[in-house]
Amino acid sequence: MGRAVFVTFFGRLPHELEHTHESPPVMTVPLVLLAILAIGFGLISWNWPGAFGGFGYFVFYHEGHGFEFTWWIGILSGVMAVGSFVFTYLIYERRSISLDSTRERFGAILRIVENKYYFDEIYQWTIDRVVLVIANFVGFFDRAIVNDVGINGPADVVRRLGITLRLHVTGHLYSYALAMALGTIGLAIFWWLITS
């Protein structure tokens, strides 16, 4: 944060940016309105003594835990914040501490912080090696087993039987009479073979 403040507000301006100008009102006015709203809602949500109970009144309805301040955490974070601002001031403004020597001394820590603790790499590895592998297996199981065998399998059997039986259903009366005559003759032969 200190680097952002010192480089942005107190650093030397590059030559190509010397003729910059302020933002037009179309950019500034919405930012001012948003700032006013943020401050206003922040004040409304605060639990002022003897006044409106704040936003927590609606959320907890008198059951919320009271605000407690832990002094040692506040002091420790304050000392760290001031120390980091002093450290960045000495690096970027006074230039009494060399940035290159600091990078050499804290190279491993700096590399971890610059890579955001490698969370992006861990997430990407998890997605590539775990999530996508499981998703591909589930997708194959869904297509091959559930859809093809479970749902489409019986439907395909019925469709193929329909295609086969469709050849015998012509709508002509003489075809049906011939089929009945051949069936009767076949049953008579079958009955004669069994009984004799």
N, C-alpha and C. Protein backbone atom coordinates (compact mmCIF):
# COMPACT_ATOMS: atom_id res chain seq x y z
N MET A 1 0.83 -1.18 0.00
CA MET A 1 0.00 0.00 0.00
C MET A 1 0.88 1.25 0.00
N GLY A 2 1.94 1.18 0.78
CA GLY A 2 2.83 2.33 0.82
C GLY A 2 3.47 2.62 -0.52
N ARG A 3 3.86 1.56 -1.24
CA ARG A 3 4.43 1.75 -2.57
C ARG A 3 3.42 2.43 -3.49
N ALA A 4 2.16 2.00 -3.44
CA ALA A 4 1.13 2.62 -4.28
C ALA A 4 0.98 4.10 -3.95
N VAL A 5 1.01 4.44 -2.68
CA VAL A 5 0.85 5.85 -2.28
C VAL A 5 2.05 6.67 -2.73
N PHE A 6 3.26 6.20 -2.45
CA PHE A 6 4.44 7.00 -2.75
C PHE A 6 4.71 7.10 -4.25
N VAL A 7 4.51 6.03 -4.98
CA VAL A 7 4.74 6.09 -6.43
C VAL A 7 3.67 6.93 -7.10
N THR A 8 2.41 6.80 -6.65
CA THR A 8 1.31 7.51 -7.30
C THR A 8 1.30 8.99 -6.97
N PHE A 9 1.41 9.33 -5.71
CA PHE A 9 1.20 10.72 -5.29
C PHE A 9 2.49 11.52 -5.10
N PHE A 10 3.60 10.86 -4.79
CA PHE A 10 4.83 11.60 -4.51
C PHE A 10 5.96 11.27 -5.47
N GLY A 11 5.74 10.32 -6.37
CA GLY A 11 6.80 9.93 -7.29
C GLY A 11 7.00 10.93 -8.41
N ARG A 12 8.10 10.76 -9.13
CA ARG A 12 8.37 11.63 -10.26
C ARG A 12 7.50 11.23 -11.44
N LEU A 13 6.93 12.22 -12.10
CA LEU A 13 6.02 11.99 -13.22
C LEU A 13 6.82 11.67 -14.47
N PRO A 14 6.49 10.59 -15.17
CA PRO A 14 7.19 10.31 -16.43
C PRO A 14 6.93 11.41 -17.46
N HIS A 15 7.85 11.55 -18.39
CA HIS A 15 7.79 12.64 -19.37
C HIS A 15 6.51 12.58 -20.21
N GLU A 16 6.07 11.37 -20.59
CA GLU A 16 4.89 11.27 -21.46
C GLU A 16 3.59 11.61 -20.74
N LEU A 17 3.62 11.70 -19.40
CA LEU A 17 2.40 12.02 -18.65
C LEU A 17 2.38 13.45 -18.13
N GLU A 18 3.26 14.32 -18.60
CA GLU A 18 3.33 15.68 -18.06
C GLU A 18 2.12 16.52 -18.44
N HIS A 19 1.43 16.20 -19.52
CA HIS A 19 0.31 17.02 -19.98
C HIS A 19 -1.03 16.36 -19.69
N THR A 20 -1.11 15.60 -18.61
CA THR A 20 -2.39 14.98 -18.26
C THR A 20 -3.30 16.02 -17.63
N HIS A 21 -4.60 15.73 -17.61
CA HIS A 21 -5.59 16.67 -17.06
C HIS A 21 -6.53 15.91 -16.15
N GLU A 22 -7.34 16.65 -15.41
CA GLU A 22 -8.30 16.04 -14.50
C GLU A 22 -9.39 15.32 -15.29
N SER A 23 -10.06 14.41 -14.63
CA SER A 23 -11.16 13.68 -15.27
C SER A 23 -12.32 14.62 -15.53
N PRO A 24 -13.09 14.37 -16.57
CA PRO A 24 -14.26 15.21 -16.85
C PRO A 24 -15.36 14.94 -15.82
N PRO A 25 -16.34 15.84 -15.73
CA PRO A 25 -17.42 15.66 -14.75
C PRO A 25 -18.19 14.35 -14.92
N VAL A 26 -18.25 13.83 -16.12
CA VAL A 26 -18.97 12.58 -16.32
C VAL A 26 -18.30 11.43 -15.55
N MET A 27 -17.02 11.56 -15.22
CA MET A 27 -16.33 10.57 -14.41
C MET A 27 -16.31 10.97 -12.94
N THR A 28 -16.17 12.26 -12.66
CA THR A 28 -15.99 12.72 -11.28
C THR A 28 -17.29 12.71 -10.50
N VAL A 29 -18.39 13.17 -11.10
CA VAL A 29 -19.66 13.29 -10.38
C VAL A 29 -20.15 11.93 -9.86
N PRO A 30 -20.16 10.85 -10.65
CA PRO A 30 -20.58 9.56 -10.07
C PRO A 30 -19.70 9.10 -8.92
N LEU A 31 -18.40 9.37 -9.00
CA LEU A 31 -17.52 8.97 -7.90
C LEU A 31 -17.82 9.75 -6.63
N VAL A 32 -18.10 11.04 -6.77
CA VAL A 32 -18.45 11.86 -5.60
C VAL A 32 -19.76 11.37 -5.00
N LEU A 33 -20.76 11.09 -5.84
CA LEU A 33 -22.04 10.59 -5.34
C LEU A 33 -21.88 9.24 -4.64
N LEU A 34 -21.08 8.36 -5.20
CA LEU A 34 -20.84 7.07 -4.55
C LEU A 34 -20.13 7.24 -3.22
N ALA A 35 -19.19 8.18 -3.15
CA ALA A 35 -18.49 8.44 -1.89
C ALA A 35 -19.45 8.97 -0.83
N ILE A 36 -20.34 9.89 -1.23
CA ILE A 36 -21.33 10.44 -0.28
C ILE A 36 -22.25 9.33 0.21
N LEU A 37 -22.72 8.48 -0.69
CA LEU A 37 -23.59 7.37 -0.29
C LEU A 37 -22.86 6.39 0.63
N ALA A 38 -21.61 6.10 0.33
CA ALA A 38 -20.85 5.17 1.17
C ALA A 38 -20.67 5.73 2.57
N ILE A 39 -20.33 7.01 2.67
CA ILE A 39 -20.18 7.63 3.99
C ILE A 39 -21.52 7.66 4.72
N GLY A 40 -22.59 8.02 4.01
CA GLY A 40 -23.91 8.09 4.63
C GLY A 40 -24.38 6.75 5.15
N PHE A 41 -24.27 5.71 4.34
CA PHE A 41 -24.69 4.39 4.80
C PHE A 41 -23.77 3.85 5.88
N GLY A 42 -22.51 4.22 5.83
CA GLY A 42 -21.61 3.82 6.91
C GLY A 42 -22.01 4.45 8.23
N LEU A 43 -22.41 5.73 8.20
CA LEU A 43 -22.85 6.39 9.43
C LEU A 43 -24.19 5.82 9.92
N ILE A 44 -25.08 5.48 8.99
CA ILE A 44 -26.37 4.92 9.40
C ILE A 44 -26.19 3.55 10.04
N SER A 45 -25.26 2.77 9.52
CA SER A 45 -25.10 1.41 10.03
C SER A 45 -24.38 1.37 11.38
N TRP A 46 -23.76 2.46 11.77
CA TRP A 46 -23.06 2.49 13.05
C TRP A 46 -24.06 2.55 14.19
N ASN A 47 -23.77 1.90 15.26
CA ASN A 47 -24.66 1.87 16.43
C ASN A 47 -24.37 3.08 17.31
N TRP A 48 -25.04 4.19 17.04
CA TRP A 48 -24.84 5.41 17.82
C TRP A 48 -25.56 5.27 19.15
N PRO A 49 -24.95 5.70 20.26
CA PRO A 49 -25.60 5.58 21.57
C PRO A 49 -26.88 6.43 21.62
N GLY A 50 -27.98 5.82 22.08
CA GLY A 50 -29.23 6.53 22.25
C GLY A 50 -29.95 6.85 20.96
N ALA A 51 -29.52 6.27 19.85
CA ALA A 51 -30.15 6.58 18.57
C ALA A 51 -30.53 5.26 17.89
N PHE A 52 -30.68 5.33 16.60
CA PHE A 52 -31.03 4.14 15.81
C PHE A 52 -30.00 3.05 16.07
N GLY A 53 -30.46 1.82 16.18
CA GLY A 53 -29.58 0.72 16.56
C GLY A 53 -28.65 0.24 15.48
N GLY A 54 -28.67 0.84 14.33
CA GLY A 54 -27.79 0.41 13.25
C GLY A 54 -28.37 -0.75 12.46
N PHE A 55 -27.68 -1.12 11.41
CA PHE A 55 -28.17 -2.17 10.53
C PHE A 55 -28.23 -3.52 11.25
N GLY A 56 -27.34 -3.72 12.21
CA GLY A 56 -27.33 -4.96 12.96
C GLY A 56 -28.63 -5.21 13.72
N TYR A 57 -29.38 -4.16 13.99
CA TYR A 57 -30.67 -4.30 14.67
C TYR A 57 -31.61 -5.16 13.83
N PHE A 58 -31.61 -4.94 12.52
CA PHE A 58 -32.48 -5.73 11.64
C PHE A 58 -31.94 -7.14 11.44
N VAL A 59 -30.63 -7.28 11.45
CA VAL A 59 -30.04 -8.58 11.19
C VAL A 59 -30.19 -9.50 12.40
N PHE A 60 -29.87 -9.00 13.59
CA PHE A 60 -29.85 -9.87 14.77
C PHE A 60 -31.07 -9.71 15.66
N TYR A 61 -31.75 -8.59 15.59
CA TYR A 61 -32.92 -8.30 16.42
C TYR A 61 -32.60 -8.52 17.89
N HIS A 62 -31.69 -7.75 18.40
CA HIS A 62 -31.27 -7.72 19.81
C HIS A 62 -30.54 -8.98 20.25
N GLU A 63 -30.11 -9.83 19.33
CA GLU A 63 -29.40 -11.03 19.72
C GLU A 63 -27.95 -11.02 19.27
N GLY A 64 -27.54 -9.95 18.63
CA GLY A 64 -26.17 -9.89 18.14
C GLY A 64 -25.18 -9.69 19.27
N HIS A 65 -23.97 -10.14 19.03
CA HIS A 65 -22.91 -9.99 20.02
C HIS A 65 -22.41 -8.56 20.01
N GLY A 66 -22.11 -8.04 21.17
CA GLY A 66 -21.65 -6.66 21.27
C GLY A 66 -20.27 -6.47 20.65
N PHE A 67 -19.97 -5.23 20.29
CA PHE A 67 -18.69 -4.90 19.68
C PHE A 67 -17.62 -4.90 20.75
N GLU A 68 -16.56 -5.64 20.51
CA GLU A 68 -15.43 -5.68 21.44
C GLU A 68 -14.16 -5.40 20.66
N PHE A 69 -13.31 -4.60 21.24
CA PHE A 69 -12.06 -4.24 20.59
C PHE A 69 -10.92 -4.95 21.30
N THR A 70 -10.11 -5.68 20.53
CA THR A 70 -8.94 -6.36 21.09
C THR A 70 -7.75 -5.44 20.88
N TRP A 71 -7.24 -4.91 21.99
CA TRP A 71 -6.22 -3.87 21.91
C TRP A 71 -4.93 -4.35 21.28
N TRP A 72 -4.47 -5.53 21.64
CA TRP A 72 -3.17 -5.96 21.14
C TRP A 72 -3.20 -6.18 19.62
N ILE A 73 -4.34 -6.62 19.07
CA ILE A 73 -4.43 -6.77 17.62
C ILE A 73 -4.41 -5.41 16.94
N GLY A 74 -5.11 -4.44 17.53
CA GLY A 74 -5.11 -3.09 16.97
C GLY A 74 -3.73 -2.46 17.01
N ILE A 75 -3.03 -2.61 18.13
CA ILE A 75 -1.69 -2.03 18.25
C ILE A 75 -0.72 -2.73 17.29
N LEU A 76 -0.77 -4.06 17.23
CA LEU A 76 0.12 -4.80 16.34
C LEU A 76 -0.11 -4.43 14.88
N SER A 77 -1.37 -4.36 14.45
CA SER A 77 -1.64 -4.01 13.05
C SER A 77 -1.26 -2.56 12.78
N GLY A 78 -1.45 -1.68 13.75
CA GLY A 78 -1.04 -0.28 13.57
C GLY A 78 0.47 -0.15 13.43
N VAL A 79 1.23 -0.85 14.27
CA VAL A 79 2.69 -0.81 14.19
C VAL A 79 3.16 -1.38 12.86
N MET A 80 2.54 -2.46 12.41
CA MET A 80 2.93 -3.04 11.12
C MET A 80 2.61 -2.10 9.97
N ALA A 81 1.46 -1.43 10.02
CA ALA A 81 1.10 -0.50 8.95
C ALA A 81 2.06 0.68 8.91
N VAL A 82 2.34 1.28 10.07
CA VAL A 82 3.26 2.42 10.11
C VAL A 82 4.66 1.98 9.69
N GLY A 83 5.09 0.80 10.16
CA GLY A 83 6.41 0.30 9.78
C GLY A 83 6.53 0.06 8.29
N SER A 84 5.49 -0.47 7.67
CA SER A 84 5.55 -0.70 6.23
C SER A 84 5.57 0.61 5.46
N PHE A 85 4.83 1.63 5.94
CA PHE A 85 4.88 2.93 5.27
C PHE A 85 6.26 3.57 5.42
N VAL A 86 6.87 3.45 6.59
CA VAL A 86 8.23 3.99 6.78
C VAL A 86 9.21 3.25 5.88
N PHE A 87 9.09 1.95 5.81
CA PHE A 87 9.98 1.14 4.97
C PHE A 87 9.84 1.52 3.50
N THR A 88 8.62 1.65 3.01
CA THR A 88 8.43 2.03 1.61
C THR A 88 8.85 3.48 1.36
N TYR A 89 8.71 4.34 2.36
CA TYR A 89 9.20 5.72 2.22
C TYR A 89 10.71 5.72 2.04
N LEU A 90 11.41 4.90 2.84
CA LEU A 90 12.86 4.84 2.75
C LEU A 90 13.32 4.24 1.41
N ILE A 91 12.52 3.37 0.83
CA ILE A 91 12.90 2.76 -0.46
C ILE A 91 12.57 3.68 -1.62
N TYR A 92 11.35 4.21 -1.69
CA TYR A 92 10.88 4.89 -2.89
C TYR A 92 11.05 6.41 -2.86
N GLU A 93 11.10 7.02 -1.69
CA GLU A 93 11.24 8.47 -1.61
C GLU A 93 12.67 8.89 -1.28
N ARG A 94 13.16 8.42 -0.16
CA ARG A 94 14.51 8.81 0.26
C ARG A 94 15.58 8.04 -0.49
N ARG A 95 15.24 6.86 -0.95
CA ARG A 95 16.16 5.96 -1.65
C ARG A 95 17.40 5.65 -0.80
N SER A 96 17.20 5.57 0.51
CA SER A 96 18.30 5.21 1.40
C SER A 96 18.46 3.70 1.53
N ILE A 97 17.43 2.96 1.15
CA ILE A 97 17.52 1.50 1.11
C ILE A 97 17.39 1.09 -0.35
N SER A 98 18.33 0.26 -0.80
CA SER A 98 18.32 -0.17 -2.19
C SER A 98 17.24 -1.23 -2.41
N LEU A 99 16.46 -1.01 -3.44
CA LEU A 99 15.40 -1.97 -3.77
C LEU A 99 15.99 -3.29 -4.25
N ASP A 100 17.11 -3.23 -4.97
CA ASP A 100 17.74 -4.46 -5.46
C ASP A 100 18.30 -5.31 -4.32
N SER A 101 18.93 -4.66 -3.33
CA SER A 101 19.46 -5.43 -2.20
C SER A 101 18.33 -6.04 -1.37
N THR A 102 17.22 -5.31 -1.27
CA THR A 102 16.06 -5.85 -0.55
C THR A 102 15.50 -7.06 -1.29
N ARG A 103 15.46 -6.97 -2.62
CA ARG A 103 14.98 -8.10 -3.42
C ARG A 103 15.91 -9.31 -3.26
N GLU A 104 17.21 -9.07 -3.21
CA GLU A 104 18.15 -10.18 -3.03
C GLU A 104 18.00 -10.81 -1.66
N ARG A 105 17.84 -9.99 -0.63
CA ARG A 105 17.77 -10.49 0.73
C ARG A 105 16.48 -11.27 0.98
N PHE A 106 15.37 -10.75 0.49
CA PHE A 106 14.07 -11.38 0.74
C PHE A 106 13.50 -11.99 -0.55
N GLY A 107 14.37 -12.57 -1.37
CA GLY A 107 13.95 -13.08 -2.67
C GLY A 107 12.89 -14.16 -2.60
N ALA A 108 13.07 -15.14 -1.70
CA ALA A 108 12.10 -16.24 -1.63
C ALA A 108 10.74 -15.75 -1.15
N ILE A 109 10.75 -14.92 -0.11
CA ILE A 109 9.49 -14.38 0.41
C ILE A 109 8.83 -13.49 -0.63
N LEU A 110 9.62 -12.67 -1.30
CA LEU A 110 9.08 -11.78 -2.32
C LEU A 110 8.49 -12.56 -3.49
N ARG A 111 9.15 -13.65 -3.87
CA ARG A 111 8.63 -14.48 -4.95
C ARG A 111 7.29 -15.11 -4.57
N ILE A 112 7.17 -15.56 -3.33
CA ILE A 112 5.90 -16.15 -2.86
C ILE A 112 4.80 -15.10 -2.86
N VAL A 113 5.11 -13.90 -2.38
CA VAL A 113 4.09 -12.84 -2.32
C VAL A 113 3.73 -12.36 -3.72
N GLU A 114 4.73 -12.19 -4.60
CA GLU A 114 4.44 -11.75 -5.97
C GLU A 114 3.59 -12.76 -6.72
N ASN A 115 3.74 -14.05 -6.41
CA ASN A 115 2.92 -15.08 -7.04
C ASN A 115 1.64 -15.36 -6.26
N LYS A 116 1.29 -14.47 -5.36
CA LYS A 116 0.04 -14.54 -4.60
C LYS A 116 -0.09 -15.88 -3.87
N TYR A 117 1.00 -16.28 -3.22
CA TYR A 117 1.06 -17.52 -2.45
C TYR A 117 0.72 -18.75 -3.30
N TYR A 118 0.86 -18.62 -4.60
CA TYR A 118 0.64 -19.71 -5.57
C TYR A 118 -0.79 -20.25 -5.53
N PHE A 119 -1.73 -19.44 -5.07
CA PHE A 119 -3.13 -19.89 -5.04
C PHE A 119 -3.67 -20.13 -6.45
N ASP A 120 -3.31 -19.26 -7.39
CA ASP A 120 -3.80 -19.45 -8.77
C ASP A 120 -3.30 -20.76 -9.36
N GLU A 121 -2.02 -21.08 -9.11
CA GLU A 121 -1.47 -22.32 -9.62
C GLU A 121 -2.12 -23.53 -8.97
N ILE A 122 -2.37 -23.44 -7.66
CA ILE A 122 -3.01 -24.55 -6.95
C ILE A 122 -4.43 -24.75 -7.48
N TYR A 123 -5.16 -23.65 -7.65
CA TYR A 123 -6.52 -23.76 -8.18
C TYR A 123 -6.50 -24.36 -9.59
N GLN A 124 -5.58 -23.89 -10.44
CA GLN A 124 -5.54 -24.39 -11.82
C GLN A 124 -5.16 -25.86 -11.85
N TRP A 125 -4.20 -26.28 -11.00
CA TRP A 125 -3.82 -27.69 -10.93
C TRP A 125 -5.00 -28.52 -10.47
N THR A 126 -5.73 -28.05 -9.46
CA THR A 126 -6.90 -28.78 -8.96
C THR A 126 -7.96 -28.92 -10.04
N ILE A 127 -8.18 -27.85 -10.79
CA ILE A 127 -9.18 -27.92 -11.87
C ILE A 127 -8.73 -28.89 -12.96
N ASP A 128 -7.45 -28.78 -13.38
CA ASP A 128 -6.95 -29.61 -14.48
C ASP A 128 -6.85 -31.08 -14.10
N ARG A 129 -6.32 -31.38 -12.91
CA ARG A 129 -6.00 -32.76 -12.54
C ARG A 129 -7.12 -33.46 -11.78
N VAL A 130 -8.00 -32.73 -11.13
CA VAL A 130 -9.03 -33.37 -10.32
C VAL A 130 -10.41 -33.13 -10.92
N VAL A 131 -10.79 -31.86 -11.04
CA VAL A 131 -12.16 -31.54 -11.44
C VAL A 131 -12.43 -32.01 -12.87
N LEU A 132 -11.53 -31.71 -13.80
CA LEU A 132 -11.78 -32.11 -15.20
C LEU A 132 -11.72 -33.62 -15.39
N VAL A 133 -10.86 -34.31 -14.64
CA VAL A 133 -10.80 -35.77 -14.75
C VAL A 133 -12.11 -36.38 -14.27
N ILE A 134 -12.60 -35.91 -13.12
CA ILE A 134 -13.88 -36.41 -12.61
C ILE A 134 -15.01 -36.04 -13.55
N ALA A 135 -14.99 -34.81 -14.08
CA ALA A 135 -16.04 -34.38 -15.00
C ALA A 135 -16.04 -35.21 -16.28
N ASN A 136 -14.85 -35.54 -16.81
CA ASN A 136 -14.79 -36.38 -18.01
C ASN A 136 -15.32 -37.78 -17.74
N PHE A 137 -14.97 -38.35 -16.58
CA PHE A 137 -15.49 -39.67 -16.23
C PHE A 137 -17.00 -39.65 -16.07
N VAL A 138 -17.52 -38.65 -15.37
CA VAL A 138 -18.97 -38.54 -15.18
C VAL A 138 -19.65 -38.31 -16.52
N GLY A 139 -19.05 -37.49 -17.39
CA GLY A 139 -19.62 -37.26 -18.71
C GLY A 139 -19.66 -38.53 -19.55
N PHE A 140 -18.56 -39.31 -19.52
CA PHE A 140 -18.54 -40.58 -20.26
C PHE A 140 -19.58 -41.54 -19.70
N PHE A 141 -19.65 -41.65 -18.37
CA PHE A 141 -20.64 -42.54 -17.75
C PHE A 141 -22.05 -42.12 -18.11
N ASP A 142 -22.31 -40.82 -18.12
CA ASP A 142 -23.64 -40.33 -18.45
C ASP A 142 -24.00 -40.64 -19.90
N ARG A 143 -23.04 -40.40 -20.82
CA ARG A 143 -23.33 -40.65 -22.23
C ARG A 143 -23.41 -42.15 -22.54
N ALA A 144 -22.38 -42.91 -22.12
CA ALA A 144 -22.27 -44.31 -22.54
C ALA A 144 -23.22 -45.22 -21.77
N ILE A 145 -23.32 -45.05 -20.47
CA ILE A 145 -24.10 -45.98 -19.66
C ILE A 145 -25.54 -45.50 -19.51
N VAL A 146 -25.71 -44.30 -18.97
CA VAL A 146 -27.07 -43.82 -18.66
C VAL A 146 -27.86 -43.57 -19.94
N ASN A 147 -27.29 -42.79 -20.86
CA ASN A 147 -28.06 -42.44 -22.07
C ASN A 147 -28.14 -43.60 -23.06
N ASP A 148 -26.97 -44.15 -23.45
CA ASP A 148 -26.97 -45.15 -24.53
C ASP A 148 -27.58 -46.47 -24.10
N VAL A 149 -27.24 -46.97 -22.90
CA VAL A 149 -27.74 -48.27 -22.45
C VAL A 149 -29.07 -48.11 -21.71
N GLY A 150 -29.13 -47.18 -20.79
CA GLY A 150 -30.30 -47.08 -19.93
C GLY A 150 -31.51 -46.44 -20.59
N ILE A 151 -31.32 -45.36 -21.30
CA ILE A 151 -32.46 -44.63 -21.87
C ILE A 151 -32.63 -44.97 -23.34
N ASN A 152 -31.58 -44.83 -24.13
CA ASN A 152 -31.70 -45.05 -25.57
C ASN A 152 -31.70 -46.53 -25.95
N GLY A 153 -31.15 -47.40 -25.08
CA GLY A 153 -31.09 -48.83 -25.41
C GLY A 153 -32.46 -49.45 -25.64
N PRO A 154 -33.37 -49.40 -24.66
CA PRO A 154 -34.71 -49.96 -24.91
C PRO A 154 -35.44 -49.26 -26.06
N ALA A 155 -35.25 -47.97 -26.20
CA ALA A 155 -35.89 -47.26 -27.31
C ALA A 155 -35.36 -47.74 -28.65
N ASP A 156 -34.04 -48.02 -28.74
CA ASP A 156 -33.48 -48.53 -29.99
C ASP A 156 -34.00 -49.93 -30.31
N VAL A 157 -34.17 -50.78 -29.27
CA VAL A 157 -34.71 -52.12 -29.49
C VAL A 157 -36.12 -52.03 -30.06
N VAL A 158 -36.95 -51.17 -29.46
CA VAL A 158 -38.33 -51.01 -29.95
C VAL A 158 -38.33 -50.45 -31.36
N ARG A 159 -37.46 -49.51 -31.65
CA ARG A 159 -37.40 -48.92 -32.99
C ARG A 159 -36.99 -49.96 -34.03
N ARG A 160 -35.99 -50.78 -33.72
CA ARG A 160 -35.54 -51.80 -34.67
C ARG A 160 -36.61 -52.87 -34.89
N LEU A 161 -37.29 -53.24 -33.80
CA LEU A 161 -38.40 -54.19 -33.97
C LEU A 161 -39.50 -53.60 -34.84
N GLY A 162 -39.76 -52.33 -34.64
CA GLY A 162 -40.77 -51.67 -35.46
C GLY A 162 -40.39 -51.63 -36.93
N ILE A 163 -39.10 -51.38 -37.20
CA ILE A 163 -38.64 -51.37 -38.60
C ILE A 163 -38.79 -52.76 -39.21
N THR A 164 -38.45 -53.80 -38.44
CA THR A 164 -38.57 -55.17 -38.95
C THR A 164 -40.03 -55.56 -39.17
N LEU A 165 -40.88 -55.28 -38.20
CA LEU A 165 -42.29 -55.65 -38.32
C LEU A 165 -43.04 -54.78 -39.33
N ARG A 166 -42.53 -53.67 -39.62
CA ARG A 166 -43.18 -52.76 -40.57
C ARG A 166 -43.24 -53.38 -41.97
N LEU A 167 -42.30 -54.22 -42.27
CA LEU A 167 -42.29 -54.87 -43.59
C LEU A 167 -43.49 -55.79 -43.78
N HIS A 168 -44.01 -56.36 -42.67
CA HIS A 168 -45.13 -57.29 -42.76
C HIS A 168 -46.48 -56.59 -42.72
N VAL A 169 -46.51 -55.36 -42.30
CA VAL A 169 -47.78 -54.63 -42.20
C VAL A 169 -47.92 -53.80 -43.47
N THR A 170 -48.72 -54.32 -44.41
CA THR A 170 -48.85 -53.65 -45.71
C THR A 170 -50.19 -52.95 -45.87
N GLY A 171 -51.23 -53.41 -45.16
CA GLY A 171 -52.55 -52.83 -45.33
C GLY A 171 -53.38 -53.52 -46.40
N HIS A 172 -52.83 -54.55 -47.07
CA HIS A 172 -53.55 -55.30 -48.10
C HIS A 172 -54.20 -56.53 -47.47
N LEU A 173 -55.48 -56.72 -47.75
CA LEU A 173 -56.25 -57.80 -47.14
C LEU A 173 -55.74 -59.18 -47.55
N TYR A 174 -55.33 -59.33 -48.79
CA TYR A 174 -54.86 -60.64 -49.26
C TYR A 174 -53.56 -61.04 -48.57
N SER A 175 -52.73 -60.05 -48.16
CA SER A 175 -51.50 -60.38 -47.43
C SER A 175 -51.84 -60.95 -46.07
N TYR A 176 -52.82 -60.35 -45.40
CA TYR A 176 -53.23 -60.84 -44.09
C TYR A 176 -53.89 -62.22 -44.21
N ALA A 177 -54.70 -62.44 -45.27
CA ALA A 177 -55.35 -63.75 -45.46
C ALA A 177 -54.30 -64.83 -45.72
N LEU A 178 -53.27 -64.49 -46.51
CA LEU A 178 -52.20 -65.44 -46.77
C LEU A 178 -51.45 -65.77 -45.50
N ALA A 179 -51.17 -64.74 -44.66
CA ALA A 179 -50.47 -64.98 -43.40
C ALA A 179 -51.29 -65.86 -42.49
N MET A 180 -52.61 -65.66 -42.43
CA MET A 180 -53.46 -66.50 -41.58
C MET A 180 -53.52 -67.93 -42.11
N ALA A 181 -53.59 -68.08 -43.42
CA ALA A 181 -53.64 -69.42 -44.00
C ALA A 181 -52.34 -70.17 -43.74
N LEU A 182 -51.19 -69.48 -43.95
CA LEU A 182 -49.90 -70.13 -43.68
C LEU A 182 -49.74 -70.44 -42.20
N GLY A 183 -50.22 -69.57 -41.34
CA GLY A 183 -50.17 -69.83 -39.91
C GLY A 183 -51.02 -71.01 -39.52
N THR A 184 -52.21 -71.14 -40.11
CA THR A 184 -53.08 -72.28 -39.81
C THR A 184 -52.46 -73.58 -40.29
N ILE A 185 -51.89 -73.57 -41.49
CA ILE A 185 -51.22 -74.76 -42.01
C ILE A 185 -50.03 -75.12 -41.13
N GLY A 186 -49.27 -74.11 -40.70
CA GLY A 186 -48.12 -74.36 -39.84
C GLY A 186 -48.54 -74.95 -38.51
N LEU A 187 -49.63 -74.45 -37.91
CA LEU A 187 -50.11 -75.00 -36.65
C LEU A 187 -50.61 -76.43 -36.82
N ALA A 188 -51.26 -76.70 -37.96
CA ALA A 188 -51.75 -78.07 -38.20
C ALA A 188 -50.60 -79.04 -38.33
N ILE A 189 -49.54 -78.64 -39.04
CA ILE A 189 -48.36 -79.50 -39.18
C ILE A 189 -47.70 -79.70 -37.83
N PHE A 190 -47.58 -78.63 -37.06
CA PHE A 190 -46.98 -78.73 -35.72
C PHE A 190 -47.80 -79.67 -34.85
N TRP A 191 -49.12 -79.57 -34.89
CA TRP A 191 -49.99 -80.43 -34.08
C TRP A 191 -49.90 -81.89 -34.54
N TRP A 192 -49.82 -82.12 -35.83
CA TRP A 192 -49.73 -83.47 -36.36
C TRP A 192 -48.41 -84.12 -35.94
N LEU A 193 -47.28 -83.31 -35.94
CA LEU A 193 -45.98 -83.85 -35.54
C LEU A 193 -45.94 -84.19 -34.06
N ILE A 194 -46.61 -83.42 -33.25
CA ILE A 194 -46.58 -83.66 -31.81
C ILE A 194 -47.44 -84.89 -31.46
N THR A 195 -48.58 -85.02 -32.06
CA THR A 195 -49.50 -86.09 -31.69
C THR A 195 -49.17 -87.43 -32.34
N SER A 196 -48.38 -87.47 -33.37
CA SER A 196 -48.13 -88.76 -34.02
C SER A 196 -46.85 -89.42 -33.60
